[in-house]
């Protein structure tokens, strides 16, 4: 909680050191993506930074599409590689392949070399990522790990909403 707050409050320091966040929890619905989006939105508004959001699977799909477009057509890959802050959602959830590793490595390595921070969300810790070791090495260097509680906020919210609805219907 404190790390996340400091991230958007003192983003300039994070950016100067090329540090981002690796937000992870094994539990689906724990609020990883929500937190990442809130932080990215706060940075965008407070510091007027260009921010992009993409899931790892969508990013790889965009890379495939860019091959079809040809070099003369500007593609969205450039935006993901060069925006001020990138949120890469659900890293490690897609099917692992040599090609996927290569493309994710290119993205992360480029951002590291250009000193452009990332916020990563995942269902596994950096150490448990099943990917090219160069990717996890760079993420360890570039990101501060933020483990989320192993609680499904989504399930709690849905249950509370359903309970209110039933109370309204049955209580009438």
N, C-alpha and C. Protein backbone atom coordinates (compact mmCIF):
# COMPACT_ATOMS: atom_id res chain seq x y z
N UNK A 1 0.84 -1.20 0.00
CA UNK A 1 0.00 0.00 0.00
C UNK A 1 0.87 1.25 0.00
N UNK A 2 1.85 1.28 0.89
CA UNK A 2 2.73 2.44 1.00
C UNK A 2 3.57 2.62 -0.27
N UNK A 3 4.05 1.51 -0.82
CA UNK A 3 4.86 1.56 -2.04
C UNK A 3 4.02 2.11 -3.19
N UNK A 4 2.80 1.63 -3.32
CA UNK A 4 1.92 2.09 -4.39
C UNK A 4 1.63 3.59 -4.27
N UNK A 5 1.37 4.03 -3.06
CA UNK A 5 1.10 5.46 -2.83
C UNK A 5 2.32 6.30 -3.20
N UNK A 6 3.49 5.87 -2.77
CA UNK A 6 4.71 6.61 -3.07
C UNK A 6 5.01 6.62 -4.57
N UNK A 7 4.57 5.55 -5.27
CA UNK A 7 4.81 5.48 -6.71
C UNK A 7 4.20 6.67 -7.43
N UNK A 8 2.94 6.95 -7.18
CA UNK A 8 2.34 8.07 -7.91
C UNK A 8 2.65 9.42 -7.26
N UNK A 9 2.85 9.45 -5.94
CA UNK A 9 3.16 10.72 -5.28
C UNK A 9 4.55 11.22 -5.65
N UNK A 10 5.50 10.30 -5.81
CA UNK A 10 6.89 10.68 -6.10
C UNK A 10 7.37 10.04 -7.40
N UNK A 11 6.48 10.03 -8.39
CA UNK A 11 6.78 9.32 -9.63
C UNK A 11 8.08 9.80 -10.29
N UNK A 12 8.39 11.06 -10.19
CA UNK A 12 9.60 11.58 -10.84
C UNK A 12 10.84 10.84 -10.35
N UNK A 13 10.90 10.54 -9.06
CA UNK A 13 12.04 9.78 -8.52
C UNK A 13 12.09 8.38 -9.10
N UNK A 14 10.93 7.75 -9.22
CA UNK A 14 10.85 6.40 -9.79
C UNK A 14 11.32 6.44 -11.25
N UNK A 15 10.82 7.42 -11.97
CA UNK A 15 11.18 7.54 -13.40
C UNK A 15 12.68 7.81 -13.56
N UNK A 16 13.22 8.68 -12.71
CA UNK A 16 14.65 9.01 -12.79
C UNK A 16 15.52 7.77 -12.59
N UNK A 17 15.05 6.84 -11.78
CA UNK A 17 15.82 5.61 -11.50
C UNK A 17 15.36 4.43 -12.35
N UNK A 18 14.43 4.69 -13.29
CA UNK A 18 13.84 3.65 -14.13
C UNK A 18 13.31 2.49 -13.29
N UNK A 19 12.52 2.83 -12.29
CA UNK A 19 11.90 1.81 -11.44
C UNK A 19 10.40 1.81 -11.66
N UNK A 20 9.86 0.62 -11.76
CA UNK A 20 8.42 0.44 -11.88
C UNK A 20 7.94 -0.52 -10.81
N UNK A 21 6.78 -1.10 -11.04
CA UNK A 21 6.18 -2.00 -10.06
C UNK A 21 5.86 -3.34 -10.71
N UNK A 22 6.02 -4.40 -9.94
CA UNK A 22 5.61 -5.74 -10.34
C UNK A 22 4.56 -6.17 -9.32
N UNK A 23 3.29 -6.01 -9.71
CA UNK A 23 2.17 -6.26 -8.81
C UNK A 23 1.68 -7.69 -9.06
N UNK A 24 1.74 -8.52 -8.02
CA UNK A 24 1.37 -9.91 -8.24
C UNK A 24 0.60 -10.53 -7.09
N UNK A 25 -0.18 -11.53 -7.44
CA UNK A 25 -0.93 -12.33 -6.48
C UNK A 25 -1.38 -13.58 -7.21
N UNK A 26 -1.39 -14.70 -6.53
CA UNK A 26 -1.87 -15.94 -7.14
C UNK A 26 -3.38 -15.93 -7.33
N UNK A 27 -4.05 -15.08 -6.56
CA UNK A 27 -5.51 -15.04 -6.56
C UNK A 27 -6.05 -14.14 -7.66
N UNK A 28 -6.90 -14.72 -8.50
CA UNK A 28 -7.58 -13.92 -9.53
C UNK A 28 -8.57 -13.01 -8.84
N UNK A 29 -8.68 -11.78 -9.31
CA UNK A 29 -9.65 -10.85 -8.74
C UNK A 29 -9.15 -10.13 -7.50
N UNK A 30 -7.83 -10.19 -7.24
CA UNK A 30 -7.29 -9.55 -6.02
C UNK A 30 -7.08 -8.05 -6.17
N UNK A 31 -7.30 -7.51 -7.35
CA UNK A 31 -7.19 -6.06 -7.53
C UNK A 31 -5.90 -5.61 -8.20
N UNK A 32 -5.14 -6.52 -8.77
CA UNK A 32 -3.85 -6.18 -9.41
C UNK A 32 -4.05 -5.20 -10.55
N UNK A 33 -4.91 -5.56 -11.48
CA UNK A 33 -5.14 -4.71 -12.66
C UNK A 33 -5.76 -3.39 -12.25
N UNK A 34 -6.71 -3.44 -11.33
CA UNK A 34 -7.36 -2.21 -10.85
C UNK A 34 -6.32 -1.26 -10.26
N UNK A 35 -5.45 -1.79 -9.39
CA UNK A 35 -4.41 -0.96 -8.78
C UNK A 35 -3.47 -0.39 -9.84
N UNK A 36 -3.05 -1.23 -10.78
CA UNK A 36 -2.14 -0.77 -11.84
C UNK A 36 -2.77 0.36 -12.64
N UNK A 37 -4.04 0.22 -12.97
CA UNK A 37 -4.73 1.27 -13.74
C UNK A 37 -4.90 2.56 -12.94
N UNK A 38 -5.21 2.44 -11.67
CA UNK A 38 -5.33 3.63 -10.81
C UNK A 38 -4.00 4.37 -10.73
N UNK A 39 -2.92 3.63 -10.54
CA UNK A 39 -1.59 4.25 -10.45
C UNK A 39 -1.21 4.90 -11.77
N UNK A 40 -1.42 4.19 -12.86
CA UNK A 40 -1.08 4.74 -14.18
C UNK A 40 -1.89 5.98 -14.49
N UNK A 41 -3.18 5.93 -14.16
CA UNK A 41 -4.04 7.10 -14.38
C UNK A 41 -3.60 8.29 -13.55
N UNK A 42 -3.21 8.04 -12.30
CA UNK A 42 -2.73 9.12 -11.43
C UNK A 42 -1.46 9.74 -11.98
N UNK A 43 -0.55 8.91 -12.45
CA UNK A 43 0.71 9.41 -13.03
C UNK A 43 0.40 10.23 -14.29
N UNK A 44 -0.51 9.72 -15.10
CA UNK A 44 -0.86 10.41 -16.35
C UNK A 44 -1.41 11.81 -16.07
N UNK A 45 -2.30 11.90 -15.10
CA UNK A 45 -2.93 13.18 -14.78
C UNK A 45 -1.97 14.12 -14.06
N UNK A 46 -1.31 13.63 -13.02
CA UNK A 46 -0.45 14.48 -12.19
C UNK A 46 0.81 14.94 -12.92
N UNK A 47 1.40 14.05 -13.73
CA UNK A 47 2.69 14.36 -14.35
C UNK A 47 2.61 14.54 -15.87
N UNK A 48 1.40 14.43 -16.42
CA UNK A 48 1.17 14.59 -17.86
C UNK A 48 2.07 13.66 -18.68
N UNK A 49 2.07 12.40 -18.32
CA UNK A 49 2.88 11.39 -19.00
C UNK A 49 2.00 10.60 -19.97
N UNK A 50 2.62 10.10 -21.04
CA UNK A 50 1.88 9.21 -21.93
C UNK A 50 1.90 7.82 -21.31
N UNK A 51 0.73 7.24 -21.18
CA UNK A 51 0.57 5.95 -20.53
C UNK A 51 -0.19 5.02 -21.47
N UNK A 52 0.27 3.80 -21.58
CA UNK A 52 -0.42 2.78 -22.38
C UNK A 52 -0.69 1.57 -21.49
N UNK A 53 -1.80 0.90 -21.78
CA UNK A 53 -2.17 -0.32 -21.07
C UNK A 53 -2.37 -1.41 -22.10
N UNK A 54 -1.77 -2.57 -21.87
CA UNK A 54 -1.99 -3.72 -22.75
C UNK A 54 -1.75 -5.00 -21.96
N UNK A 55 -2.57 -6.02 -22.25
CA UNK A 55 -2.29 -7.32 -21.64
C UNK A 55 -1.15 -7.95 -22.44
N UNK A 56 -0.43 -8.85 -21.81
CA UNK A 56 0.68 -9.51 -22.50
C UNK A 56 0.18 -10.24 -23.75
N UNK A 57 -0.98 -10.88 -23.65
CA UNK A 57 -1.55 -11.61 -24.79
C UNK A 57 -1.91 -10.63 -25.92
N UNK A 58 -2.55 -9.51 -25.58
CA UNK A 58 -2.91 -8.51 -26.59
C UNK A 58 -1.65 -7.91 -27.23
N UNK A 59 -0.60 -7.70 -26.44
CA UNK A 59 0.64 -7.16 -26.99
C UNK A 59 1.19 -8.12 -28.05
N UNK A 60 1.25 -9.39 -27.72
CA UNK A 60 1.78 -10.37 -28.68
C UNK A 60 0.92 -10.44 -29.94
N UNK A 61 -0.39 -10.29 -29.77
CA UNK A 61 -1.28 -10.25 -30.94
C UNK A 61 -0.99 -9.01 -31.79
N UNK A 62 -0.74 -7.88 -31.15
CA UNK A 62 -0.42 -6.64 -31.88
C UNK A 62 0.90 -6.79 -32.64
N UNK A 63 1.86 -7.49 -32.05
CA UNK A 63 3.13 -7.74 -32.75
C UNK A 63 2.86 -8.55 -34.01
N UNK A 64 2.05 -9.60 -33.90
CA UNK A 64 1.70 -10.42 -35.07
C UNK A 64 1.06 -9.56 -36.15
N UNK A 65 0.11 -8.71 -35.73
CA UNK A 65 -0.59 -7.83 -36.69
C UNK A 65 0.38 -6.88 -37.38
N UNK A 66 1.37 -6.40 -36.64
CA UNK A 66 2.31 -5.43 -37.21
C UNK A 66 3.14 -6.06 -38.33
N UNK A 67 3.36 -7.38 -38.27
CA UNK A 67 4.09 -8.06 -39.34
C UNK A 67 3.28 -8.01 -40.63
N UNK A 68 1.96 -8.12 -40.51
CA UNK A 68 1.08 -8.10 -41.68
C UNK A 68 0.99 -6.71 -42.29
N UNK A 69 1.09 -5.67 -41.45
CA UNK A 69 0.89 -4.30 -41.93
C UNK A 69 2.01 -3.82 -42.83
N UNK A 70 3.21 -4.28 -42.57
CA UNK A 70 4.35 -3.81 -43.35
C UNK A 70 4.99 -2.61 -42.70
N UNK A 71 6.24 -2.32 -43.08
CA UNK A 71 7.02 -1.28 -42.42
C UNK A 71 6.52 0.15 -42.63
N UNK A 72 5.77 0.39 -43.71
CA UNK A 72 5.34 1.76 -44.00
C UNK A 72 4.14 2.19 -43.16
N UNK A 73 3.46 1.24 -42.53
CA UNK A 73 2.28 1.57 -41.72
C UNK A 73 2.70 1.72 -40.26
N UNK A 74 2.49 2.90 -39.68
CA UNK A 74 2.85 3.06 -38.26
C UNK A 74 2.02 2.07 -37.43
N UNK A 75 2.65 1.44 -36.47
CA UNK A 75 1.89 0.46 -35.68
C UNK A 75 1.91 0.79 -34.20
N UNK A 76 1.03 0.13 -33.48
CA UNK A 76 0.87 0.41 -32.06
C UNK A 76 2.03 -0.12 -31.22
N UNK A 77 2.83 -1.00 -31.77
CA UNK A 77 3.98 -1.54 -31.04
C UNK A 77 4.90 -0.39 -30.63
N UNK A 78 5.09 0.56 -31.55
CA UNK A 78 5.92 1.73 -31.26
C UNK A 78 5.40 2.45 -30.02
N UNK A 79 4.10 2.58 -29.90
CA UNK A 79 3.49 3.24 -28.74
C UNK A 79 3.77 2.51 -27.45
N UNK A 80 3.69 1.20 -27.47
CA UNK A 80 3.95 0.41 -26.27
C UNK A 80 5.43 0.48 -25.88
N UNK A 81 6.28 0.50 -26.88
CA UNK A 81 7.72 0.52 -26.59
C UNK A 81 8.17 1.88 -26.06
N UNK A 82 7.52 2.96 -26.51
CA UNK A 82 8.06 4.30 -26.27
C UNK A 82 7.22 5.22 -25.40
N UNK A 83 6.04 4.77 -24.93
CA UNK A 83 5.26 5.64 -24.04
C UNK A 83 6.05 5.85 -22.75
N UNK A 84 5.69 6.88 -22.00
CA UNK A 84 6.41 7.19 -20.76
C UNK A 84 6.25 6.06 -19.73
N UNK A 85 5.04 5.52 -19.62
CA UNK A 85 4.77 4.45 -18.64
C UNK A 85 3.89 3.40 -19.31
N UNK A 86 4.32 2.16 -19.24
CA UNK A 86 3.55 1.05 -19.82
C UNK A 86 3.02 0.16 -18.71
N UNK A 87 1.73 -0.17 -18.79
CA UNK A 87 1.15 -1.19 -17.91
C UNK A 87 1.03 -2.45 -18.76
N UNK A 88 1.77 -3.48 -18.38
CA UNK A 88 1.71 -4.78 -19.06
C UNK A 88 0.98 -5.73 -18.12
N UNK A 89 -0.25 -6.05 -18.48
CA UNK A 89 -1.16 -6.80 -17.62
C UNK A 89 -1.05 -8.29 -17.87
N UNK A 90 -1.16 -9.06 -16.79
CA UNK A 90 -1.26 -10.52 -16.86
C UNK A 90 -0.05 -11.20 -17.50
N UNK A 91 1.13 -10.74 -17.16
CA UNK A 91 2.35 -11.37 -17.69
C UNK A 91 2.45 -12.79 -17.13
N UNK A 92 2.76 -13.73 -18.00
CA UNK A 92 2.91 -15.11 -17.57
C UNK A 92 1.64 -15.93 -17.69
N UNK A 93 0.55 -15.31 -18.14
CA UNK A 93 -0.71 -16.05 -18.23
C UNK A 93 -0.90 -16.69 -19.60
N UNK A 94 -0.20 -16.19 -20.61
CA UNK A 94 -0.36 -16.72 -21.96
C UNK A 94 0.48 -17.97 -22.17
N UNK A 95 0.27 -18.57 -23.33
CA UNK A 95 1.02 -19.78 -23.69
C UNK A 95 2.47 -19.39 -23.93
N UNK A 96 3.37 -20.11 -23.30
CA UNK A 96 4.79 -19.81 -23.44
C UNK A 96 5.31 -20.41 -24.75
N UNK A 97 6.10 -19.59 -25.45
CA UNK A 97 6.77 -20.07 -26.66
C UNK A 97 8.05 -19.28 -26.82
N UNK A 98 8.93 -19.79 -27.63
CA UNK A 98 10.19 -19.09 -27.89
C UNK A 98 9.92 -17.73 -28.53
N UNK A 99 8.96 -17.70 -29.46
CA UNK A 99 8.62 -16.45 -30.14
C UNK A 99 8.06 -15.42 -29.14
N UNK A 100 7.14 -15.86 -28.28
CA UNK A 100 6.54 -14.95 -27.29
C UNK A 100 7.62 -14.40 -26.36
N UNK A 101 8.50 -15.28 -25.89
CA UNK A 101 9.62 -14.84 -25.04
C UNK A 101 10.47 -13.80 -25.76
N UNK A 102 10.77 -14.07 -27.02
CA UNK A 102 11.61 -13.15 -27.80
C UNK A 102 10.96 -11.77 -27.91
N UNK A 103 9.66 -11.74 -28.20
CA UNK A 103 8.97 -10.45 -28.38
C UNK A 103 8.79 -9.71 -27.05
N UNK A 104 8.49 -10.44 -25.98
CA UNK A 104 8.38 -9.79 -24.66
C UNK A 104 9.75 -9.30 -24.20
N UNK A 105 10.79 -10.06 -24.49
CA UNK A 105 12.15 -9.62 -24.17
C UNK A 105 12.47 -8.33 -24.91
N UNK A 106 12.16 -8.28 -26.20
CA UNK A 106 12.43 -7.07 -27.00
C UNK A 106 11.75 -5.85 -26.38
N UNK A 107 10.50 -6.02 -25.97
CA UNK A 107 9.75 -4.91 -25.36
C UNK A 107 10.40 -4.47 -24.05
N UNK A 108 10.65 -5.41 -23.16
CA UNK A 108 11.17 -5.08 -21.83
C UNK A 108 12.61 -4.57 -21.92
N UNK A 109 13.42 -5.18 -22.76
CA UNK A 109 14.79 -4.73 -22.94
C UNK A 109 14.84 -3.32 -23.51
N UNK A 110 13.99 -3.04 -24.50
CA UNK A 110 13.93 -1.70 -25.09
C UNK A 110 13.56 -0.66 -24.02
N UNK A 111 12.56 -0.97 -23.24
CA UNK A 111 12.11 -0.02 -22.21
C UNK A 111 13.20 0.16 -21.15
N UNK A 112 13.91 -0.90 -20.82
CA UNK A 112 15.01 -0.77 -19.85
C UNK A 112 16.12 0.12 -20.41
N UNK A 113 16.51 -0.12 -21.65
CA UNK A 113 17.58 0.67 -22.28
C UNK A 113 17.20 2.13 -22.45
N UNK A 114 15.92 2.38 -22.72
CA UNK A 114 15.44 3.75 -22.91
C UNK A 114 15.03 4.40 -21.59
N UNK A 115 15.17 3.64 -20.50
CA UNK A 115 14.81 4.10 -19.15
C UNK A 115 13.36 4.56 -19.07
N UNK A 116 12.49 3.68 -19.53
CA UNK A 116 11.05 3.93 -19.49
C UNK A 116 10.40 2.88 -18.59
N UNK A 117 9.85 3.31 -17.46
CA UNK A 117 9.31 2.39 -16.46
C UNK A 117 8.10 1.59 -16.94
N UNK A 118 7.87 0.48 -16.24
CA UNK A 118 6.72 -0.39 -16.49
C UNK A 118 6.02 -0.70 -15.17
N UNK A 119 4.73 -0.97 -15.29
CA UNK A 119 3.98 -1.59 -14.21
C UNK A 119 3.53 -2.93 -14.79
N UNK A 120 3.90 -3.99 -14.13
CA UNK A 120 3.56 -5.34 -14.57
C UNK A 120 2.57 -5.93 -13.58
N UNK A 121 1.55 -6.63 -14.07
CA UNK A 121 0.72 -7.43 -13.18
C UNK A 121 0.88 -8.89 -13.57
N UNK A 122 0.78 -9.77 -12.58
CA UNK A 122 0.95 -11.19 -12.84
C UNK A 122 0.33 -12.03 -11.74
N UNK A 123 0.07 -13.29 -12.07
CA UNK A 123 -0.43 -14.24 -11.07
C UNK A 123 0.71 -15.02 -10.43
N UNK A 124 1.94 -14.69 -10.79
CA UNK A 124 3.11 -15.37 -10.20
C UNK A 124 4.19 -14.34 -9.86
N UNK A 125 5.03 -14.68 -8.91
CA UNK A 125 6.16 -13.80 -8.56
C UNK A 125 7.14 -13.77 -9.73
N UNK A 126 8.01 -12.79 -9.74
CA UNK A 126 9.02 -12.68 -10.81
C UNK A 126 9.83 -13.97 -10.88
N UNK A 127 10.20 -14.49 -9.72
CA UNK A 127 11.03 -15.70 -9.66
C UNK A 127 10.31 -16.92 -10.25
N UNK A 128 9.00 -16.93 -10.18
CA UNK A 128 8.23 -18.09 -10.66
C UNK A 128 7.79 -17.95 -12.12
N UNK A 129 8.08 -16.81 -12.75
CA UNK A 129 7.69 -16.62 -14.15
C UNK A 129 8.34 -17.70 -15.01
N UNK A 130 7.55 -18.32 -15.85
CA UNK A 130 8.08 -19.31 -16.78
C UNK A 130 8.37 -18.58 -18.09
N UNK A 131 9.56 -18.02 -18.17
CA UNK A 131 9.94 -17.26 -19.36
C UNK A 131 11.46 -17.26 -19.48
N UNK A 132 11.92 -16.65 -20.54
CA UNK A 132 13.35 -16.47 -20.75
C UNK A 132 13.92 -15.77 -19.50
N UNK A 133 14.99 -16.30 -18.95
CA UNK A 133 15.60 -15.74 -17.75
C UNK A 133 16.02 -14.30 -17.90
N UNK A 134 16.29 -13.87 -19.13
CA UNK A 134 16.67 -12.47 -19.35
C UNK A 134 15.50 -11.53 -19.03
N UNK A 135 14.28 -12.01 -19.26
CA UNK A 135 13.09 -11.19 -18.96
C UNK A 135 12.98 -11.01 -17.45
N UNK A 136 13.02 -12.11 -16.70
CA UNK A 136 12.86 -12.00 -15.24
C UNK A 136 14.03 -11.24 -14.62
N UNK A 137 15.24 -11.39 -15.16
CA UNK A 137 16.39 -10.62 -14.66
C UNK A 137 16.15 -9.12 -14.81
N UNK A 138 15.66 -8.71 -15.98
CA UNK A 138 15.42 -7.29 -16.21
C UNK A 138 14.28 -6.77 -15.34
N UNK A 139 13.24 -7.57 -15.19
CA UNK A 139 12.12 -7.14 -14.35
C UNK A 139 12.55 -7.00 -12.89
N UNK A 140 13.42 -7.89 -12.43
CA UNK A 140 13.94 -7.80 -11.07
C UNK A 140 14.70 -6.49 -10.89
N UNK A 141 15.43 -6.09 -11.92
CA UNK A 141 16.20 -4.85 -11.90
C UNK A 141 15.28 -3.62 -12.00
N UNK A 142 14.28 -3.71 -12.85
CA UNK A 142 13.44 -2.55 -13.18
C UNK A 142 12.26 -2.33 -12.23
N UNK A 143 11.85 -3.35 -11.51
CA UNK A 143 10.60 -3.26 -10.75
C UNK A 143 10.78 -3.58 -9.27
N UNK A 144 9.96 -2.92 -8.48
CA UNK A 144 9.81 -3.27 -7.07
C UNK A 144 8.60 -4.19 -6.98
N UNK A 145 8.77 -5.34 -6.36
CA UNK A 145 7.67 -6.30 -6.25
C UNK A 145 6.65 -5.83 -5.21
N UNK A 146 5.39 -5.91 -5.57
CA UNK A 146 4.29 -5.55 -4.68
C UNK A 146 3.35 -6.76 -4.60
N UNK A 147 3.52 -7.62 -3.59
CA UNK A 147 2.60 -8.75 -3.45
C UNK A 147 1.25 -8.26 -2.94
N UNK A 148 0.20 -8.70 -3.59
CA UNK A 148 -1.16 -8.33 -3.19
C UNK A 148 -1.70 -9.40 -2.25
N UNK A 149 -2.68 -9.04 -1.42
CA UNK A 149 -3.28 -10.05 -0.54
C UNK A 149 -3.93 -11.16 -1.36
N UNK A 150 -3.89 -12.36 -0.85
CA UNK A 150 -4.49 -13.50 -1.55
C UNK A 150 -5.98 -13.57 -1.25
N UNK A 151 -6.68 -12.50 -1.62
CA UNK A 151 -8.12 -12.38 -1.39
C UNK A 151 -8.75 -11.92 -2.70
N UNK A 152 -9.85 -12.52 -3.09
CA UNK A 152 -10.54 -12.07 -4.29
C UNK A 152 -11.50 -10.94 -3.94
N UNK A 153 -11.07 -9.72 -4.23
CA UNK A 153 -11.92 -8.55 -4.01
C UNK A 153 -13.13 -8.62 -4.92
N UNK A 154 -12.90 -9.11 -6.13
CA UNK A 154 -13.98 -9.23 -7.11
C UNK A 154 -15.10 -10.12 -6.56
N UNK A 155 -14.73 -11.29 -6.00
CA UNK A 155 -15.75 -12.21 -5.45
C UNK A 155 -16.47 -11.57 -4.27
N UNK A 156 -15.72 -10.87 -3.43
CA UNK A 156 -16.35 -10.21 -2.27
C UNK A 156 -17.35 -9.15 -2.74
N UNK A 157 -16.96 -8.37 -3.75
CA UNK A 157 -17.82 -7.30 -4.26
C UNK A 157 -19.10 -7.89 -4.87
N UNK A 158 -18.94 -8.96 -5.65
CA UNK A 158 -20.10 -9.60 -6.28
C UNK A 158 -21.02 -10.18 -5.21
N UNK A 159 -20.46 -10.83 -4.21
CA UNK A 159 -21.28 -11.41 -3.13
C UNK A 159 -22.05 -10.31 -2.40
N UNK A 160 -21.39 -9.20 -2.09
CA UNK A 160 -22.06 -8.09 -1.40
C UNK A 160 -23.20 -7.53 -2.26
N UNK A 161 -22.94 -7.40 -3.55
CA UNK A 161 -23.96 -6.89 -4.47
C UNK A 161 -25.15 -7.85 -4.55
N UNK A 162 -24.87 -9.13 -4.66
CA UNK A 162 -25.94 -10.13 -4.71
C UNK A 162 -26.72 -10.17 -3.40
N UNK A 163 -26.03 -10.06 -2.28
CA UNK A 163 -26.69 -10.05 -0.97
C UNK A 163 -27.64 -8.84 -0.85
N UNK A 164 -27.16 -7.66 -1.31
CA UNK A 164 -28.01 -6.46 -1.27
C UNK A 164 -29.25 -6.65 -2.15
N UNK A 165 -29.03 -7.23 -3.32
CA UNK A 165 -30.14 -7.46 -4.25
C UNK A 165 -31.18 -8.40 -3.62
N UNK A 166 -30.71 -9.50 -3.04
CA UNK A 166 -31.63 -10.46 -2.41
C UNK A 166 -32.37 -9.82 -1.25
N UNK A 167 -31.67 -9.03 -0.48
CA UNK A 167 -32.30 -8.33 0.66
C UNK A 167 -33.41 -7.40 0.15
N UNK A 168 -33.11 -6.72 -0.95
CA UNK A 168 -34.07 -5.79 -1.55
C UNK A 168 -35.31 -6.56 -2.05
N UNK A 169 -35.07 -7.68 -2.73
CA UNK A 169 -36.15 -8.47 -3.31
C UNK A 169 -36.95 -9.19 -2.23
N UNK A 170 -36.25 -9.84 -1.31
CA UNK A 170 -36.93 -10.64 -0.27
C UNK A 170 -37.54 -9.76 0.82
N UNK A 171 -36.93 -8.60 1.02
CA UNK A 171 -37.40 -7.72 2.08
C UNK A 171 -38.61 -6.90 1.66
N UNK A 172 -38.91 -6.90 0.35
CA UNK A 172 -40.02 -6.07 -0.16
C UNK A 172 -41.36 -6.67 0.11
